[in-house]
Amino acid sequence: MSSMDLYEDGFPHGTKEGYERGCKSAACPNAFEGLTICRDAFMRYNRDYAYRKAVDAGETPPPRVSDTGTDVGRPGR
């Protein structure tokens, strides 16, 4: 795979599939829009049972929730 393939329309950025297809760095195009990057989606898939269950069922995954009960988005943002 060429690195240019990461920028084609329809590439599944922000998903574990995007990570598995080669988008493995913080340079994921989603990072510039404040969205989940492929690496974070892949790590969450492997650590969060509810997220994995939703992804495997083809549903929209639940947002990450902090101790205060709010969506925390991407760390550091």
Foldseek 3Di string as FASTA:
>chain_A
DDPVVLVDPPQPFLACVNVVVPQQDCVRPVNVVLAHGNNNRNVCCVPPPQQVVCVVVVHDGDADADPVGDRPRDPPD
